[in-house]
Structures are given as structure tokens and as C-alpha cells.
Amino acid sequence: ETTSTLVTAANTSSGGGGGVQTGTGIGVDNTDPLNPVIVAPYNYYLASVSQSSTIAPTVNSSTKTFPATITLARAAGGFYTITASAATFTANKTLVTITGTGSGGYADVKFFTPQVSSTTVINFGTARIDGTFDDGFEATIQVIILP
């Protein structure tokens, strides 16, 4: 249907108020047909994270759409893991982005490209501009898993 057809149908529906009451396609949840919800057509994990000294990263806030539990850990100075409690990360279908800065006086900390090493583990690292591995950062981590 064209946009004008949909608008006309919505404006002339019985009940006076009009409005589109159903939707179809990838990413539409019609559990309640009077209030369809558009959802992402992929699974995701999004978290605000901080890390300092030799402790594991702290998740300050997060949201996700898959059932696995996510845990962040420090493997060694400047090296970290994102671990899922069940097979979640799919080869060639998992996109990971990490953006942020260093903390504790190290604003020059950069993030290594994250790597999916298995269906349950993603590795990433941090280093200072001079190439030394270093701890301490504030970041946003986003993991997208395509269908």
C-alpha cells in the first residue's frame, strides 16, 4: 500500500480516533494487536562500563534482548573479556563497538578492536598512545547479533 492509502485507512477507521492498529514484518511484535511494538530485528547488549586498577570492569547500567547473562572480566593488564552464559555470539554476525576514554589521568587510552573468540567470549583490550597496555576506562559497549 502507498503511504496515502495507509493514512486514509487510519483516518477513516471506526471508533473515531483512527490510527494504525496492526503491523507486519521483521521487527514487529503484535502480541497486542491494538498496540503493535516495533522492536529491533536483531539481538543486542548495551552497557555503560567503568574500570580501574586491577579490578574487573563495573557495569553501571545495561540493557539486552537475549537471554544469556553477560559478565565482564579483566584477564590481564589492558586485556578484558565479555562472556555470555550461553552460546550467543555468532561468527560473522556479531558486531561489537566500544567507545570511551581512559580514566585516572589517562585520557589517551584507546580500545583495541574487539574479537569474537567463541560463541560465548569476546576479547578486547586497551592501550595508551605510547603502546603500553593500561587499565582504567569509562566506556559504552554495544554488541549487536544479527539474525
N, C-alpha and C. Protein backbone atom coordinates (compact mmCIF):
# COMPACT_ATOMS: atom_id res chain seq x y z
N GLU A 1 0.83 -1.18 0.00
CA GLU A 1 0.00 0.00 0.00
C GLU A 1 0.88 1.24 0.00
N THR A 2 0.37 2.29 -0.53
CA THR A 2 1.11 3.54 -0.52
C THR A 2 0.88 4.26 0.80
N THR A 3 1.72 5.23 1.06
CA THR A 3 1.58 5.99 2.30
C THR A 3 0.21 6.66 2.38
N SER A 4 -0.26 7.24 1.27
CA SER A 4 -1.55 7.92 1.32
C SER A 4 -2.69 6.95 1.62
N THR A 5 -2.61 5.72 1.11
CA THR A 5 -3.63 4.72 1.41
C THR A 5 -3.64 4.39 2.90
N LEU A 6 -2.44 4.21 3.47
CA LEU A 6 -2.36 3.89 4.89
C LEU A 6 -2.89 5.03 5.75
N VAL A 7 -2.57 6.27 5.39
CA VAL A 7 -3.05 7.41 6.15
C VAL A 7 -4.57 7.51 6.06
N THR A 8 -5.10 7.32 4.85
CA THR A 8 -6.56 7.38 4.67
C THR A 8 -7.24 6.30 5.48
N ALA A 9 -6.70 5.07 5.41
CA ALA A 9 -7.30 3.96 6.17
C ALA A 9 -7.25 4.26 7.66
N ALA A 10 -6.15 4.81 8.13
CA ALA A 10 -6.01 5.11 9.55
C ALA A 10 -6.99 6.20 9.97
N ASN A 11 -7.20 7.19 9.12
CA ASN A 11 -8.06 8.30 9.48
C ASN A 11 -9.54 7.99 9.36
N THR A 12 -9.90 6.91 8.68
CA THR A 12 -11.31 6.60 8.50
C THR A 12 -11.74 5.35 9.25
N SER A 13 -10.88 4.82 10.12
CA SER A 13 -11.26 3.62 10.85
C SER A 13 -12.39 3.94 11.82
N SER A 14 -13.19 2.92 12.12
CA SER A 14 -14.30 3.14 13.04
C SER A 14 -13.78 3.39 14.44
N GLY A 15 -14.52 4.06 15.23
CA GLY A 15 -14.11 4.36 16.59
C GLY A 15 -13.69 5.80 16.75
N GLY A 16 -13.61 6.52 15.66
CA GLY A 16 -13.36 7.94 15.74
C GLY A 16 -11.92 8.37 15.75
N GLY A 17 -11.04 7.66 16.48
CA GLY A 17 -9.67 8.15 16.63
C GLY A 17 -8.75 7.77 15.51
N GLY A 18 -9.07 6.73 14.75
CA GLY A 18 -8.17 6.30 13.69
C GLY A 18 -6.90 5.73 14.29
N GLY A 19 -5.91 5.57 13.46
CA GLY A 19 -4.63 5.06 13.91
C GLY A 19 -4.38 3.67 13.39
N VAL A 20 -3.15 3.37 13.08
CA VAL A 20 -2.78 2.05 12.60
C VAL A 20 -2.81 1.11 13.79
N GLN A 21 -3.54 -0.01 13.65
CA GLN A 21 -3.69 -0.90 14.77
C GLN A 21 -2.95 -2.22 14.63
N THR A 22 -2.39 -2.51 13.47
CA THR A 22 -1.58 -3.71 13.31
C THR A 22 -0.39 -3.36 12.43
N GLY A 23 0.61 -4.16 12.50
CA GLY A 23 1.79 -4.00 11.67
C GLY A 23 2.34 -5.37 11.36
N THR A 24 3.10 -5.48 10.30
CA THR A 24 3.70 -6.76 9.95
C THR A 24 5.15 -6.53 9.56
N GLY A 25 5.90 -7.60 9.50
CA GLY A 25 7.28 -7.53 9.03
C GLY A 25 8.27 -7.84 10.13
N ILE A 26 9.54 -7.88 9.73
CA ILE A 26 10.62 -8.16 10.67
C ILE A 26 10.66 -7.04 11.70
N GLY A 27 10.75 -7.40 12.95
CA GLY A 27 10.87 -6.40 13.99
C GLY A 27 9.56 -5.87 14.53
N VAL A 28 8.43 -6.51 14.22
CA VAL A 28 7.13 -6.07 14.73
C VAL A 28 6.61 -7.12 15.71
N ASP A 29 6.25 -6.68 16.89
CA ASP A 29 5.68 -7.56 17.90
C ASP A 29 4.18 -7.26 17.98
N ASN A 30 3.35 -8.19 17.50
CA ASN A 30 1.90 -7.99 17.51
C ASN A 30 1.23 -8.74 18.67
N THR A 31 1.93 -8.90 19.78
CA THR A 31 1.33 -9.56 20.93
C THR A 31 0.01 -8.91 21.31
N ASP A 32 -0.01 -7.58 21.28
CA ASP A 32 -1.24 -6.82 21.50
C ASP A 32 -1.57 -6.13 20.17
N PRO A 33 -2.50 -6.68 19.37
CA PRO A 33 -2.76 -6.13 18.04
C PRO A 33 -3.25 -4.69 18.03
N LEU A 34 -3.74 -4.19 19.16
CA LEU A 34 -4.17 -2.79 19.20
C LEU A 34 -2.99 -1.85 19.43
N ASN A 35 -1.87 -2.41 19.88
CA ASN A 35 -0.68 -1.61 20.15
C ASN A 35 0.58 -2.34 19.68
N PRO A 36 0.78 -2.45 18.36
CA PRO A 36 1.97 -3.15 17.89
C PRO A 36 3.23 -2.41 18.33
N VAL A 37 4.26 -3.15 18.63
CA VAL A 37 5.51 -2.58 19.07
C VAL A 37 6.58 -2.89 18.03
N ILE A 38 7.27 -1.88 17.60
CA ILE A 38 8.37 -2.09 16.67
C ILE A 38 9.61 -2.39 17.51
N VAL A 39 10.22 -3.52 17.28
CA VAL A 39 11.41 -3.92 18.03
C VAL A 39 12.57 -4.09 17.06
N ALA A 40 13.77 -4.06 17.58
CA ALA A 40 14.95 -4.23 16.73
C ALA A 40 14.93 -5.62 16.11
N PRO A 41 15.26 -5.72 14.82
CA PRO A 41 15.26 -7.04 14.17
C PRO A 41 16.54 -7.82 14.45
N TYR A 42 17.18 -7.52 15.56
CA TYR A 42 18.40 -8.20 15.96
C TYR A 42 18.47 -8.20 17.48
N ASN A 43 19.34 -9.03 18.03
CA ASN A 43 19.56 -9.03 19.47
C ASN A 43 20.71 -8.09 19.79
N TYR A 44 20.66 -7.50 20.98
CA TYR A 44 21.72 -6.57 21.34
C TYR A 44 21.99 -6.56 22.84
N TYR A 45 23.17 -6.04 23.18
CA TYR A 45 23.58 -5.78 24.56
C TYR A 45 24.20 -4.39 24.53
N LEU A 46 23.78 -3.52 25.43
CA LEU A 46 24.31 -2.17 25.51
C LEU A 46 24.59 -1.88 26.97
N ALA A 47 25.83 -1.42 27.26
CA ALA A 47 26.19 -1.18 28.66
C ALA A 47 27.11 0.02 28.81
N SER A 48 26.94 0.71 29.92
CA SER A 48 27.86 1.76 30.35
C SER A 48 28.78 1.09 31.36
N VAL A 49 30.10 1.17 31.12
CA VAL A 49 31.06 0.39 31.90
C VAL A 49 32.21 1.28 32.37
N SER A 50 32.73 0.99 33.55
CA SER A 50 33.94 1.67 34.02
C SER A 50 34.88 0.62 34.61
N GLN A 51 36.17 0.93 34.58
CA GLN A 51 37.17 0.00 35.10
C GLN A 51 38.33 0.81 35.65
N SER A 52 38.92 0.34 36.76
CA SER A 52 40.10 0.99 37.32
C SER A 52 40.96 -0.03 38.03
N SER A 53 42.22 0.31 38.18
CA SER A 53 43.20 -0.51 38.89
C SER A 53 43.22 -1.93 38.30
N THR A 54 43.17 -2.94 39.13
CA THR A 54 43.24 -4.32 38.65
C THR A 54 41.92 -5.07 38.83
N ILE A 55 40.83 -4.33 39.04
CA ILE A 55 39.54 -4.98 39.24
C ILE A 55 38.82 -5.21 37.91
N ALA A 56 37.83 -6.07 37.95
CA ALA A 56 37.02 -6.33 36.75
C ALA A 56 36.22 -5.07 36.41
N PRO A 57 35.87 -4.89 35.13
CA PRO A 57 35.02 -3.76 34.76
C PRO A 57 33.69 -3.80 35.51
N THR A 58 33.18 -2.63 35.86
CA THR A 58 31.90 -2.50 36.54
C THR A 58 30.86 -2.04 35.53
N VAL A 59 29.74 -2.75 35.45
CA VAL A 59 28.65 -2.36 34.57
C VAL A 59 27.77 -1.39 35.36
N ASN A 60 27.74 -0.14 34.91
CA ASN A 60 26.97 0.90 35.60
C ASN A 60 25.48 0.83 35.24
N SER A 61 25.19 0.50 33.99
CA SER A 61 23.82 0.28 33.54
C SER A 61 23.89 -0.52 32.26
N SER A 62 22.84 -1.32 32.00
CA SER A 62 22.85 -2.14 30.79
C SER A 62 21.43 -2.53 30.39
N THR A 63 21.31 -2.94 29.14
CA THR A 63 20.07 -3.49 28.61
C THR A 63 20.45 -4.51 27.55
N LYS A 64 19.61 -5.53 27.37
CA LYS A 64 19.88 -6.55 26.36
C LYS A 64 18.58 -7.21 25.94
N THR A 65 18.64 -7.87 24.78
CA THR A 65 17.44 -8.55 24.28
C THR A 65 17.62 -10.05 24.16
N PHE A 66 18.73 -10.61 24.57
CA PHE A 66 18.90 -12.06 24.53
C PHE A 66 18.96 -12.60 25.95
N PRO A 67 18.65 -13.89 26.14
CA PRO A 67 18.51 -14.41 27.50
C PRO A 67 19.81 -14.68 28.25
N ALA A 68 20.94 -14.75 27.59
CA ALA A 68 22.19 -15.08 28.27
C ALA A 68 22.60 -13.95 29.23
N THR A 69 23.24 -14.33 30.32
CA THR A 69 23.80 -13.38 31.26
C THR A 69 25.16 -12.95 30.73
N ILE A 70 25.48 -11.66 30.81
CA ILE A 70 26.75 -11.13 30.33
C ILE A 70 27.62 -10.76 31.53
N THR A 71 28.88 -11.18 31.48
CA THR A 71 29.84 -10.87 32.53
C THR A 71 31.09 -10.27 31.89
N LEU A 72 31.60 -9.20 32.48
CA LEU A 72 32.86 -8.61 32.03
C LEU A 72 33.95 -8.95 33.03
N ALA A 73 35.15 -9.23 32.53
CA ALA A 73 36.26 -9.60 33.40
C ALA A 73 37.56 -8.98 32.89
N ARG A 74 38.50 -8.82 33.79
CA ARG A 74 39.84 -8.38 33.44
C ARG A 74 40.71 -9.63 33.36
N ALA A 75 41.29 -9.89 32.18
CA ALA A 75 42.13 -11.08 32.00
C ALA A 75 43.57 -10.79 32.42
N ALA A 76 44.05 -9.58 32.14
CA ALA A 76 45.40 -9.12 32.49
C ALA A 76 45.40 -7.62 32.28
N GLY A 77 46.50 -6.96 32.61
CA GLY A 77 46.57 -5.51 32.43
C GLY A 77 46.26 -5.11 31.00
N GLY A 78 45.18 -4.37 30.81
CA GLY A 78 44.79 -3.90 29.49
C GLY A 78 44.03 -4.91 28.64
N PHE A 79 43.73 -6.10 29.17
CA PHE A 79 43.02 -7.13 28.41
C PHE A 79 41.76 -7.56 29.17
N TYR A 80 40.63 -7.63 28.42
CA TYR A 80 39.33 -7.88 29.04
C TYR A 80 38.51 -8.87 28.22
N THR A 81 37.50 -9.47 28.88
CA THR A 81 36.59 -10.38 28.19
C THR A 81 35.15 -9.98 28.47
N ILE A 82 34.31 -10.22 27.48
CA ILE A 82 32.86 -10.13 27.61
C ILE A 82 32.39 -11.57 27.43
N THR A 83 31.79 -12.15 28.46
CA THR A 83 31.40 -13.56 28.42
C THR A 83 29.90 -13.71 28.57
N ALA A 84 29.31 -14.53 27.70
CA ALA A 84 27.88 -14.85 27.77
C ALA A 84 27.72 -16.21 28.45
N SER A 85 26.66 -16.37 29.22
CA SER A 85 26.43 -17.62 29.96
C SER A 85 25.98 -18.77 29.05
N ALA A 86 25.61 -18.47 27.82
CA ALA A 86 25.18 -19.49 26.85
C ALA A 86 25.65 -19.04 25.47
N ALA A 87 25.68 -19.95 24.53
CA ALA A 87 26.10 -19.62 23.16
C ALA A 87 25.26 -18.47 22.64
N THR A 88 25.87 -17.34 22.37
CA THR A 88 25.17 -16.12 21.99
C THR A 88 25.81 -15.45 20.80
N PHE A 89 27.15 -15.40 20.77
CA PHE A 89 27.88 -14.67 19.75
C PHE A 89 28.09 -15.55 18.52
N THR A 90 27.63 -15.09 17.38
CA THR A 90 27.69 -15.86 16.14
C THR A 90 28.80 -15.31 15.24
N ALA A 91 29.65 -16.19 14.75
CA ALA A 91 30.73 -15.76 13.85
C ALA A 91 30.15 -15.04 12.65
N ASN A 92 30.78 -13.94 12.27
CA ASN A 92 30.40 -13.12 11.12
C ASN A 92 29.01 -12.48 11.24
N LYS A 93 28.39 -12.57 12.40
CA LYS A 93 27.09 -11.92 12.61
C LYS A 93 27.07 -11.12 13.91
N THR A 94 28.22 -10.95 14.54
CA THR A 94 28.30 -10.22 15.80
C THR A 94 29.15 -8.97 15.59
N LEU A 95 28.57 -7.83 15.87
CA LEU A 95 29.25 -6.55 15.75
C LEU A 95 29.45 -5.99 17.15
N VAL A 96 30.69 -5.62 17.47
CA VAL A 96 30.99 -5.07 18.79
C VAL A 96 31.62 -3.69 18.61
N THR A 97 31.08 -2.70 19.29
CA THR A 97 31.70 -1.38 19.30
C THR A 97 31.91 -0.95 20.74
N ILE A 98 33.07 -0.36 20.99
CA ILE A 98 33.41 0.15 22.31
C ILE A 98 33.90 1.57 22.12
N THR A 99 33.25 2.50 22.78
CA THR A 99 33.68 3.89 22.70
C THR A 99 33.84 4.42 24.11
N GLY A 100 34.85 5.22 24.30
CA GLY A 100 35.06 5.79 25.62
C GLY A 100 36.42 6.42 25.72
N THR A 101 36.82 6.68 26.96
CA THR A 101 38.11 7.31 27.23
C THR A 101 38.76 6.63 28.41
N GLY A 102 40.02 6.93 28.59
CA GLY A 102 40.72 6.44 29.77
C GLY A 102 40.28 7.21 31.00
N SER A 103 40.61 6.68 32.15
CA SER A 103 40.26 7.36 33.40
C SER A 103 41.49 7.38 34.29
N GLY A 104 41.38 8.02 35.43
CA GLY A 104 42.51 8.07 36.36
C GLY A 104 43.69 8.85 35.80
N GLY A 105 43.43 9.88 35.01
CA GLY A 105 44.51 10.68 34.46
C GLY A 105 45.06 10.19 33.14
N TYR A 106 44.51 9.10 32.61
CA TYR A 106 44.99 8.55 31.34
C TYR A 106 43.94 8.74 30.26
N ALA A 107 43.78 9.96 29.79
CA ALA A 107 42.77 10.25 28.77
C ALA A 107 43.17 9.70 27.42
N ASP A 108 44.43 9.28 27.25
CA ASP A 108 44.90 8.81 25.95
C ASP A 108 44.71 7.30 25.75
N VAL A 109 43.92 6.64 26.57
CA VAL A 109 43.68 5.20 26.42
C VAL A 109 42.81 4.97 25.19
N LYS A 110 43.21 4.02 24.37
CA LYS A 110 42.46 3.64 23.17
C LYS A 110 42.04 2.17 23.30
N PHE A 111 40.97 1.81 22.60
CA PHE A 111 40.45 0.45 22.67
C PHE A 111 40.89 -0.35 21.44
N PHE A 112 41.37 -1.57 21.67
CA PHE A 112 41.68 -2.48 20.57
C PHE A 112 40.38 -2.94 19.93
N THR A 113 40.43 -3.32 18.68
CA THR A 113 39.26 -3.87 18.01
C THR A 113 38.83 -5.14 18.73
N PRO A 114 37.58 -5.21 19.19
CA PRO A 114 37.10 -6.42 19.88
C PRO A 114 37.07 -7.60 18.91
N GLN A 115 37.33 -8.79 19.44
CA GLN A 115 37.32 -10.01 18.63
C GLN A 115 36.44 -11.06 19.28
N VAL A 116 35.54 -11.66 18.46
CA VAL A 116 34.72 -12.77 18.93
C VAL A 116 35.61 -14.00 18.88
N SER A 117 35.94 -14.58 20.04
CA SER A 117 36.82 -15.74 20.05
C SER A 117 36.06 -17.06 20.15
N SER A 118 34.78 -17.00 20.54
CA SER A 118 33.94 -18.20 20.58
C SER A 118 32.48 -17.75 20.65
N THR A 119 31.57 -18.69 20.74
CA THR A 119 30.14 -18.34 20.83
C THR A 119 29.78 -17.74 22.19
N THR A 120 30.74 -17.77 23.13
CA THR A 120 30.46 -17.21 24.46
C THR A 120 31.46 -16.13 24.89
N VAL A 121 32.52 -15.87 24.12
CA VAL A 121 33.56 -14.92 24.57
C VAL A 121 33.94 -13.92 23.49
N ILE A 122 34.01 -12.66 23.91
CA ILE A 122 34.55 -11.58 23.09
C ILE A 122 35.73 -11.00 23.87
N ASN A 123 36.86 -10.80 23.20
CA ASN A 123 38.05 -10.21 23.83
C ASN A 123 38.23 -8.78 23.34
N PHE A 124 38.69 -7.90 24.23
CA PHE A 124 39.09 -6.57 23.81
C PHE A 124 40.19 -6.08 24.72
N GLY A 125 40.88 -5.04 24.32
CA GLY A 125 41.97 -4.53 25.12
C GLY A 125 42.05 -3.02 25.06
N THR A 126 42.88 -2.47 25.95
CA THR A 126 43.13 -1.04 25.99
C THR A 126 44.63 -0.81 26.02
N ALA A 127 45.06 0.30 25.44
CA ALA A 127 46.47 0.68 25.47
C ALA A 127 46.56 2.19 25.43
N ARG A 128 47.65 2.72 25.94
CA ARG A 128 47.90 4.15 25.85
C ARG A 128 48.51 4.46 24.49
N ILE A 129 48.52 5.70 24.14
CA ILE A 129 49.07 6.13 22.85
C ILE A 129 50.50 5.63 22.66
N ASP A 130 51.28 5.56 23.73
CA ASP A 130 52.67 5.11 23.60
C ASP A 130 52.80 3.60 23.42
N GLY A 131 51.65 2.89 23.37
CA GLY A 131 51.67 1.45 23.12
C GLY A 131 51.66 0.59 24.36
N THR A 132 51.77 1.18 25.54
CA THR A 132 51.75 0.37 26.75
C THR A 132 50.32 -0.02 27.09
N PHE A 133 50.14 -1.26 27.49
CA PHE A 133 48.82 -1.72 27.90
C PHE A 133 48.50 -1.07 29.23
N ASP A 134 47.24 -0.71 29.41
CA ASP A 134 46.90 0.03 30.61
C ASP A 134 45.46 -0.24 31.03
N ASP A 135 45.21 -0.12 32.31
CA ASP A 135 43.88 -0.26 32.87
C ASP A 135 43.30 1.12 33.12
N GLY A 136 41.99 1.15 33.30
CA GLY A 136 41.30 2.38 33.65
C GLY A 136 40.59 3.01 32.47
N PHE A 137 39.26 2.86 32.44
CA PHE A 137 38.49 3.45 31.35
C PHE A 137 37.03 3.65 31.75
N GLU A 138 36.38 4.51 31.00
CA GLU A 138 34.93 4.72 31.04
C GLU A 138 34.46 4.47 29.62
N ALA A 139 33.50 3.59 29.41
CA ALA A 139 33.13 3.24 28.04
C ALA A 139 31.67 2.83 27.91
N THR A 140 31.22 2.86 26.66
CA THR A 140 29.95 2.28 26.28
C THR A 140 30.27 1.08 25.40
N ILE A 141 29.71 -0.06 25.75
CA ILE A 141 29.91 -1.28 24.97
C ILE A 141 28.59 -1.65 24.32
N GLN A 142 28.65 -1.90 23.01
CA GLN A 142 27.46 -2.32 22.27
C GLN A 142 27.79 -3.59 21.51
N VAL A 143 26.97 -4.61 21.70
CA VAL A 143 27.11 -5.87 20.98
C VAL A 143 25.82 -6.09 20.21
N ILE A 144 25.91 -6.22 18.90
CA ILE A 144 24.74 -6.49 18.05
C ILE A 144 24.91 -7.85 17.43
N ILE A 145 23.88 -8.71 17.53
CA ILE A 145 23.92 -10.05 16.94
C ILE A 145 22.82 -10.11 15.88
N LEU A 146 23.26 -10.20 14.63
CA LEU A 146 22.32 -10.25 13.51
C LEU A 146 21.65 -11.62 13.44
N PRO A 147 20.43 -11.68 12.89
CA PRO A 147 19.73 -12.97 12.78
C PRO A 147 20.38 -13.88 11.74
